[in-house]
Amino acid sequence: MKFKTKIGWWFHLTMLVIIAIGCAMPLALGIQYDSTSTLVVGAIMSVITLVVILPMYLNTYYVLENETLHIRCGFIVNMRIPYKDITMIYETKDPSASIGLSLDRISINYSKGEVLISPMNKQEFMRLLNEYIEQYKEK
């Protein structure tokens, strides 16, 4: 079962600031000072910024597979956590940098560390994840 990410207002605001600083400002300076090199740098920065940001919006999700939790975030993260390795899951508002695009998060502790995610319909996700973990432990 696939769950899309929940996206918080702070994430939208952060991305707007990054786009304004990384894209709009160099382009505006290039136009203001009639500088071709600044315009080129601004255009390159705009493309890079959009190539990194858009996939996060469009391609962040969590899939409950047969034996693993599959976590995807843009081009950056593509990981699978075996259910047998999950030791604890709980709700959190931890603001640490993470795969969760909202502060309404779930912390998943597993053998290699911790990951913070923010699925839509968090309660249903946690219920199903717990079922998968229990089923796997019974095997």
Protein backbone atom coordinates (compact mmCIF):
# COMPACT_ATOMS: atom_id res chain seq x y z
CA MET A 1 0.00 0.00 0.00
CA LYS A 2 1.36 3.41 -1.02
CA PHE A 3 1.11 6.57 1.11
CA LYS A 4 2.02 9.99 -0.25
CA THR A 5 3.82 12.43 2.00
CA LYS A 6 2.05 15.14 3.93
CA ILE A 7 3.60 18.54 3.12
CA GLY A 8 3.65 21.20 5.84
CA TRP A 9 3.35 24.97 5.39
CA TRP A 10 6.92 25.45 6.68
CA PHE A 11 8.24 23.27 3.84
CA HIS A 12 6.43 25.40 1.25
CA LEU A 13 7.82 28.55 2.88
CA THR A 14 11.37 27.16 2.98
CA MET A 15 11.21 26.18 -0.69
CA LEU A 16 9.90 29.65 -1.65
CA VAL A 17 12.84 31.26 0.17
CA ILE A 18 15.32 28.91 -1.49
CA ILE A 19 13.80 29.59 -4.91
CA ALA A 20 13.81 33.35 -4.28
CA ILE A 21 17.44 33.37 -3.19
CA GLY A 22 18.70 30.69 -5.58
CA CYS A 23 16.74 31.62 -8.68
CA ALA A 24 15.02 34.99 -8.66
CA MET A 25 17.80 37.04 -7.06
CA PRO A 26 20.57 36.13 -9.56
CA LEU A 27 18.16 36.61 -12.47
CA ALA A 28 17.01 39.99 -11.12
CA LEU A 29 20.61 41.13 -10.58
CA GLY A 30 21.53 40.01 -14.10
CA ILE A 31 18.68 42.05 -15.55
CA GLN A 32 19.37 45.07 -13.33
CA TYR A 33 23.07 45.23 -14.19
CA ASP A 34 22.64 43.96 -17.76
CA SER A 35 25.10 41.17 -16.98
CA THR A 36 24.97 38.14 -19.24
CA SER A 37 27.20 36.07 -16.95
CA THR A 38 24.91 36.76 -13.95
CA LEU A 39 21.88 35.83 -16.05
CA VAL A 40 23.56 32.57 -17.09
CA VAL A 41 24.49 31.75 -13.48
CA GLY A 42 20.93 32.59 -12.41
CA ALA A 43 19.46 30.37 -15.11
CA ILE A 44 21.77 27.48 -14.14
CA MET A 45 20.93 27.92 -10.45
CA SER A 46 17.22 28.01 -11.31
CA VAL A 47 17.41 24.74 -13.21
CA ILE A 48 19.44 23.02 -10.48
CA THR A 49 17.11 24.28 -7.76
CA LEU A 50 13.99 23.11 -9.60
CA VAL A 51 15.55 19.74 -10.48
CA VAL A 52 16.17 19.13 -6.76
CA ILE A 53 12.93 20.61 -5.34
CA LEU A 54 10.23 19.47 -7.78
CA PRO A 55 10.95 15.74 -7.39
CA MET A 56 10.65 16.11 -3.62
CA TYR A 57 7.12 17.47 -4.07
CA LEU A 58 6.12 14.99 -6.73
CA ASN A 59 8.00 11.86 -5.72
CA THR A 60 7.98 11.49 -1.93
CA TYR A 61 6.03 8.48 -0.71
CA TYR A 62 6.13 5.43 1.54
CA VAL A 63 5.13 1.92 0.45
CA LEU A 64 4.30 -0.99 2.71
CA GLU A 65 5.70 -3.92 0.72
CA ASN A 66 5.64 -7.62 1.61
CA GLU A 67 8.83 -7.64 3.68
CA THR A 68 10.02 -4.03 3.69
CA LEU A 69 8.99 -0.43 4.16
CA HIS A 70 10.04 1.40 0.99
CA ILE A 71 10.81 5.11 1.51
CA ARG A 72 11.27 7.41 -1.47
CA CYS A 73 12.07 11.16 -1.45
CA GLY A 74 12.77 12.71 -4.85
CA PHE A 75 16.12 11.71 -6.33
CA ILE A 76 17.81 11.85 -2.95
CA VAL A 77 16.40 8.93 -0.94
CA ASN A 78 15.38 5.47 -2.06
CA MET A 79 15.60 3.08 0.86
CA ARG A 80 14.00 -0.12 2.10
CA ILE A 81 13.77 -1.07 5.76
CA PRO A 82 13.01 -4.73 6.49
CA TYR A 83 10.14 -5.05 8.97
CA LYS A 84 12.29 -7.42 11.04
CA ASP A 85 14.76 -4.55 11.65
CA ILE A 86 12.15 -2.08 12.97
CA THR A 87 12.36 -1.80 16.75
CA MET A 88 10.00 1.10 17.49
CA ILE A 89 7.61 3.54 15.81
CA TYR A 90 6.03 6.59 17.39
CA GLU A 91 4.50 9.95 16.54
CA THR A 92 6.72 13.01 16.81
CA LYS A 93 6.98 16.69 15.91
CA ASP A 94 10.81 16.52 15.80
CA PRO A 95 12.01 19.38 13.53
CA SER A 96 15.26 17.64 12.58
CA ALA A 97 16.13 17.42 8.89
CA SER A 98 14.40 14.38 7.49
CA ILE A 99 12.48 12.73 4.69
CA GLY A 100 9.25 13.96 6.28
CA LEU A 101 7.98 17.10 4.52
CA SER A 102 5.69 17.95 7.44
CA LEU A 103 6.30 18.28 11.17
CA ASP A 104 3.43 15.82 11.74
CA ARG A 105 5.82 12.87 11.66
CA ILE A 106 6.45 9.29 12.55
CA SER A 107 9.82 8.23 13.90
CA ILE A 108 10.91 4.76 12.83
CA ASN A 109 13.78 3.28 14.80
CA TYR A 110 15.49 0.34 13.17
CA SER A 111 18.77 -1.57 13.37
CA LYS A 112 20.71 1.04 11.38
CA GLY A 113 19.29 4.18 13.01
CA GLU A 114 16.21 6.33 12.82
CA VAL A 115 14.19 7.88 10.00
CA LEU A 116 11.47 10.54 10.25
CA ILE A 117 8.64 10.35 7.73
CA SER A 118 5.32 12.18 7.31
CA PRO A 119 2.69 10.09 5.54
CA MET A 120 -0.78 11.40 4.85
CA ASN A 121 -3.28 9.47 6.94
CA LYS A 122 -0.66 8.88 9.61
CA GLN A 123 -2.89 6.79 11.89
CA GLU A 124 -3.81 4.35 9.11
CA PHE A 125 -0.16 4.11 8.08
CA MET A 126 0.94 3.33 11.65
CA ARG A 127 -1.83 0.74 12.07
CA LEU A 128 -0.86 -1.07 8.87
CA LEU A 129 2.87 -0.82 9.57
CA ASN A 130 2.33 -2.38 13.00
CA GLU A 131 0.32 -5.19 11.36
CA TYR A 132 3.15 -5.88 8.89
CA ILE A 133 5.72 -5.86 11.69
CA GLU A 134 3.64 -8.28 13.77
CA GLN A 135 3.02 -10.59 10.79
CA TYR A 136 6.72 -10.68 10.03
CA LYS A 137 7.65 -11.45 13.65
CA GLU A 138 5.18 -14.35 13.69
CA LYS A 139 7.01 -16.04 10.78
